Amino acid sequence: MTTDRQLLFSVTKDDCRWDYYRCPGHGGQKVNKTSSGVRCTHKASGAVGQSCDVRSQHANKRIAFERMVATKKFQKWHHLEVSRRTGELARIQEKVAHEMSKVRIEVHDENGCWVEVTPEELED
């Protein structure tokens, strides 16, 4: 059984803001002279990944991107974006609206008794 899959969208380095900084801690002669630390911020979701693990800025850039993708914030954004692009979000919103139309709203009247009202009556 094979399922046909198609690419909906991609997240690339251009979708992120990149910040470079000097890594704290012990090191050799160049520790305070090179900006090998990398912070990757996904613009659409606000998810952040950062790395100062290795001496290479290029390697830290890859690690920071992978960490950003692994965050819960990015995962939630990704799930929502897939739902929106596949039309699933619209179907969910329609279902919620339909179910909400079945909800009864009751309030206390001036005598302290429960009385059913419509949403329009609540707005007044």
C-alpha atoms as a PDB file:
ATOM      1  CA  MET A   1       0.000   0.000   0.000  1.00  0.00           C
ATOM      2  CA  THR A   2       1.578   3.252  -1.142  1.00  0.00           C
ATOM      3  CA  THR A   3       0.233   6.673  -0.418  1.00  0.00           C
ATOM      4  CA  ASP A   4       0.964   9.509  -2.748  1.00  0.00           C
ATOM      5  CA  ARG A   5       2.484  12.406  -0.881  1.00  0.00           C
ATOM      6  CA  GLN A   6       3.133  15.840  -2.209  1.00  0.00           C
ATOM      7  CA  LEU A   7       5.110  18.743  -0.850  1.00  0.00           C
ATOM      8  CA  LEU A   8       2.818  21.435   0.584  1.00  0.00           C
ATOM      9  CA  PHE A   9       5.515  23.923   1.524  1.00  0.00           C
ATOM     10  CA  SER A  10       9.127  24.109   2.676  1.00  0.00           C
ATOM     11  CA  VAL A  11      10.812  25.970   5.454  1.00  0.00           C
ATOM     12  CA  THR A  12      14.209  27.286   4.400  1.00  0.00           C
ATOM     13  CA  LYS A  13      16.967  29.424   5.864  1.00  0.00           C
ATOM     14  CA  ASP A  14      15.322  32.458   4.225  1.00  0.00           C
ATOM     15  CA  ASP A  15      12.286  31.984   6.488  1.00  0.00           C
ATOM     16  CA  CYS A  16      14.477  32.549   9.532  1.00  0.00           C
ATOM     17  CA  ARG A  17      16.358  35.382  11.166  1.00  0.00           C
ATOM     18  CA  TRP A  18      19.966  34.462  11.944  1.00  0.00           C
ATOM     19  CA  ASP A  19      21.955  35.958  14.808  1.00  0.00           C
ATOM     20  CA  TYR A  20      25.626  35.255  15.382  1.00  0.00           C
ATOM     21  CA  TYR A  21      27.406  35.720  18.691  1.00  0.00           C
ATOM     22  CA  ARG A  22      30.523  34.805  20.576  1.00  0.00           C
ATOM     23  CA  CYS A  23      30.193  31.647  22.620  1.00  0.00           C
ATOM     24  CA  PRO A  24      30.805  31.855  26.353  1.00  0.00           C
ATOM     25  CA  GLY A  25      33.035  29.488  28.245  1.00  0.00           C
ATOM     26  CA  HIS A  26      36.489  28.030  28.056  1.00  0.00           C
ATOM     27  CA  GLY A  27      38.315  27.711  24.798  1.00  0.00           C
ATOM     28  CA  GLY A  28      41.473  28.359  22.897  1.00  0.00           C
ATOM     29  CA  GLN A  29      43.049  31.527  21.609  1.00  0.00           C
ATOM     30  CA  LYS A  30      40.141  32.448  19.304  1.00  0.00           C
ATOM     31  CA  VAL A  31      37.243  31.920  21.751  1.00  0.00           C
ATOM     32  CA  ASN A  32      36.621  35.643  22.242  1.00  0.00           C
ATOM     33  CA  LYS A  33      37.428  36.627  18.646  1.00  0.00           C
ATOM     34  CA  THR A  34      35.073  34.556  16.484  1.00  0.00           C
ATOM     35  CA  SER A  35      31.282  34.590  16.426  1.00  0.00           C
ATOM     36  CA  SER A  36      30.663  30.877  16.054  1.00  0.00           C
ATOM     37  CA  GLY A  37      27.450  30.771  18.130  1.00  0.00           C
ATOM     38  CA  VAL A  38      24.247  30.811  16.069  1.00  0.00           C
ATOM     39  CA  ARG A  39      20.623  31.602  16.949  1.00  0.00           C
ATOM     40  CA  CYS A  40      17.926  30.694  14.424  1.00  0.00           C
ATOM     41  CA  THR A  41      14.481  32.338  14.811  1.00  0.00           C
ATOM     42  CA  HIS A  42      11.637  31.230  12.551  1.00  0.00           C
ATOM     43  CA  LYS A  43       9.840  34.441  11.580  1.00  0.00           C
ATOM     44  CA  ALA A  44       6.335  33.004  11.178  1.00  0.00           C
ATOM     45  CA  SER A  45       6.179  30.964  14.390  1.00  0.00           C
ATOM     46  CA  GLY A  46       8.708  32.693  16.615  1.00  0.00           C
ATOM     47  CA  ALA A  47      10.397  29.362  17.387  1.00  0.00           C
ATOM     48  CA  VAL A  48      14.066  29.646  18.373  1.00  0.00           C
ATOM     49  CA  GLY A  49      16.972  27.220  18.163  1.00  0.00           C
ATOM     50  CA  GLN A  50      20.546  27.981  19.048  1.00  0.00           C
ATOM     51  CA  SER A  51      23.886  26.261  19.110  1.00  0.00           C
ATOM     52  CA  CYS A  52      27.322  26.921  20.473  1.00  0.00           C
ATOM     53  CA  ASP A  53      28.301  23.251  20.484  1.00  0.00           C
ATOM     54  CA  VAL A  54      31.170  23.213  17.982  1.00  0.00           C
ATOM     55  CA  ARG A  55      33.807  25.640  16.770  1.00  0.00           C
ATOM     56  CA  SER A  56      32.403  25.828  13.240  1.00  0.00           C
ATOM     57  CA  GLN A  57      29.756  28.487  12.623  1.00  0.00           C
ATOM     58  CA  HIS A  58      28.470  26.470   9.651  1.00  0.00           C
ATOM     59  CA  ALA A  59      27.947  23.352  11.801  1.00  0.00           C
ATOM     60  CA  ASN A  60      26.311  25.416  14.560  1.00  0.00           C
ATOM     61  CA  LYS A  61      23.966  26.909  11.960  1.00  0.00           C
ATOM     62  CA  ARG A  62      22.749  23.429  10.967  1.00  0.00           C
ATOM     63  CA  ILE A  63      22.343  22.376  14.603  1.00  0.00           C
ATOM     64  CA  ALA A  64      20.445  25.583  15.479  1.00  0.00           C
ATOM     65  CA  PHE A  65      18.048  25.051  12.552  1.00  0.00           C
ATOM     66  CA  GLU A  66      17.406  21.429  13.607  1.00  0.00           C
ATOM     67  CA  ARG A  67      16.757  22.513  17.196  1.00  0.00           C
ATOM     68  CA  MET A  68      14.360  25.228  16.044  1.00  0.00           C
ATOM     69  CA  VAL A  69      12.389  22.683  13.981  1.00  0.00           C
ATOM     70  CA  ALA A  70      12.210  20.352  17.006  1.00  0.00           C
ATOM     71  CA  THR A  71      10.593  22.957  19.309  1.00  0.00           C
ATOM     72  CA  LYS A  72       6.946  22.609  20.345  1.00  0.00           C
ATOM     73  CA  LYS A  73       6.265  26.144  19.120  1.00  0.00           C
ATOM     74  CA  PHE A  74       7.412  25.285  15.596  1.00  0.00           C
ATOM     75  CA  GLN A  75       5.564  21.935  15.652  1.00  0.00           C
ATOM     76  CA  LYS A  76       2.292  23.685  16.569  1.00  0.00           C
ATOM     77  CA  TRP A  77       2.798  26.264  13.811  1.00  0.00           C
ATOM     78  CA  HIS A  78       3.600  23.497  11.307  1.00  0.00           C
ATOM     79  CA  HIS A  79       0.477  21.512  12.231  1.00  0.00           C
ATOM     80  CA  LEU A  80      -1.707  24.613  11.909  1.00  0.00           C
ATOM     81  CA  GLU A  81      -0.116  25.564   8.567  1.00  0.00           C
ATOM     82  CA  VAL A  82      -0.655  22.060   7.147  1.00  0.00           C
ATOM     83  CA  SER A  83      -4.284  22.146   8.312  1.00  0.00           C
ATOM     84  CA  ARG A  84      -4.792  25.553   6.725  1.00  0.00           C
ATOM     85  CA  ARG A  85      -3.217  24.580   3.389  1.00  0.00           C
ATOM     86  CA  THR A  86      -5.073  21.276   3.084  1.00  0.00           C
ATOM     87  CA  GLY A  87      -8.446  22.814   3.934  1.00  0.00           C
ATOM     88  CA  GLU A  88      -8.717  20.805   7.139  1.00  0.00           C
ATOM     89  CA  LEU A  89      -8.812  23.991   9.239  1.00  0.00           C
ATOM     90  CA  ALA A  90     -11.876  25.292   7.390  1.00  0.00           C
ATOM     91  CA  ARG A  91     -13.664  21.960   7.917  1.00  0.00           C
ATOM     92  CA  ILE A  92     -12.845  22.056  11.631  1.00  0.00           C
ATOM     93  CA  GLN A  93     -14.128  25.634  11.925  1.00  0.00           C
ATOM     94  CA  GLU A  94     -17.374  24.683  10.155  1.00  0.00           C
ATOM     95  CA  LYS A  95     -17.841  21.712  12.479  1.00  0.00           C
ATOM     96  CA  VAL A  96     -17.224  23.880  15.561  1.00  0.00           C
ATOM     97  CA  ALA A  97     -19.717  26.488  14.318  1.00  0.00           C
ATOM     98  CA  HIS A  98     -22.299  23.748  13.701  1.00  0.00           C
ATOM     99  CA  GLU A  99     -21.797  22.234  17.159  1.00  0.00           C
ATOM    100  CA  MET A 100     -21.878  25.664  18.823  1.00  0.00           C
ATOM    101  CA  SER A 101     -25.297  26.289  17.254  1.00  0.00           C
ATOM    102  CA  LYS A 102     -26.598  23.429  19.423  1.00  0.00           C
ATOM    103  CA  VAL A 103     -25.390  24.992  22.687  1.00  0.00           C
ATOM    104  CA  ARG A 104     -28.039  26.278  25.079  1.00  0.00           C
ATOM    105  CA  ILE A 105     -27.319  29.509  26.909  1.00  0.00           C
ATOM    106  CA  GLU A 106     -29.065  30.149  30.204  1.00  0.00           C
ATOM    107  CA  VAL A 107     -28.774  33.153  32.508  1.00  0.00           C
ATOM    108  CA  HIS A 108     -30.344  34.215  35.787  1.00  0.00           C
ATOM    109  CA  ASP A 109     -33.246  36.616  35.361  1.00  0.00           C
ATOM    110  CA  GLU A 110     -34.169  39.327  37.855  1.00  0.00           C
ATOM    111  CA  ASN A 111     -36.017  36.741  40.003  1.00  0.00           C
ATOM    112  CA  GLY A 112     -32.986  34.433  40.173  1.00  0.00           C
ATOM    113  CA  CYS A 113     -34.523  31.841  37.830  1.00  0.00           C
ATOM    114  CA  TRP A 114     -32.645  30.285  34.932  1.00  0.00           C
ATOM    115  CA  VAL A 115     -33.899  31.551  31.549  1.00  0.00           C
ATOM    116  CA  GLU A 116     -32.720  30.429  28.118  1.00  0.00           C
ATOM    117  CA  VAL A 117     -31.444  33.265  25.862  1.00  0.00           C
ATOM    118  CA  THR A 118     -30.057  33.557  22.363  1.00  0.00           C
ATOM    119  CA  PRO A 119     -26.537  34.860  21.608  1.00  0.00           C
ATOM    120  CA  GLU A 120     -28.120  38.003  20.120  1.00  0.00           C
ATOM    121  CA  GLU A 121     -29.895  38.724  23.400  1.00  0.00           C
ATOM    122  CA  LEU A 122     -26.566  38.476  25.249  1.00  0.00           C
ATOM    123  CA  GLU A 123     -25.041  41.188  23.050  1.00  0.00           C
ATOM    124  CA  ASP A 124     -27.711  43.720  24.066  1.00  0.00           C
END
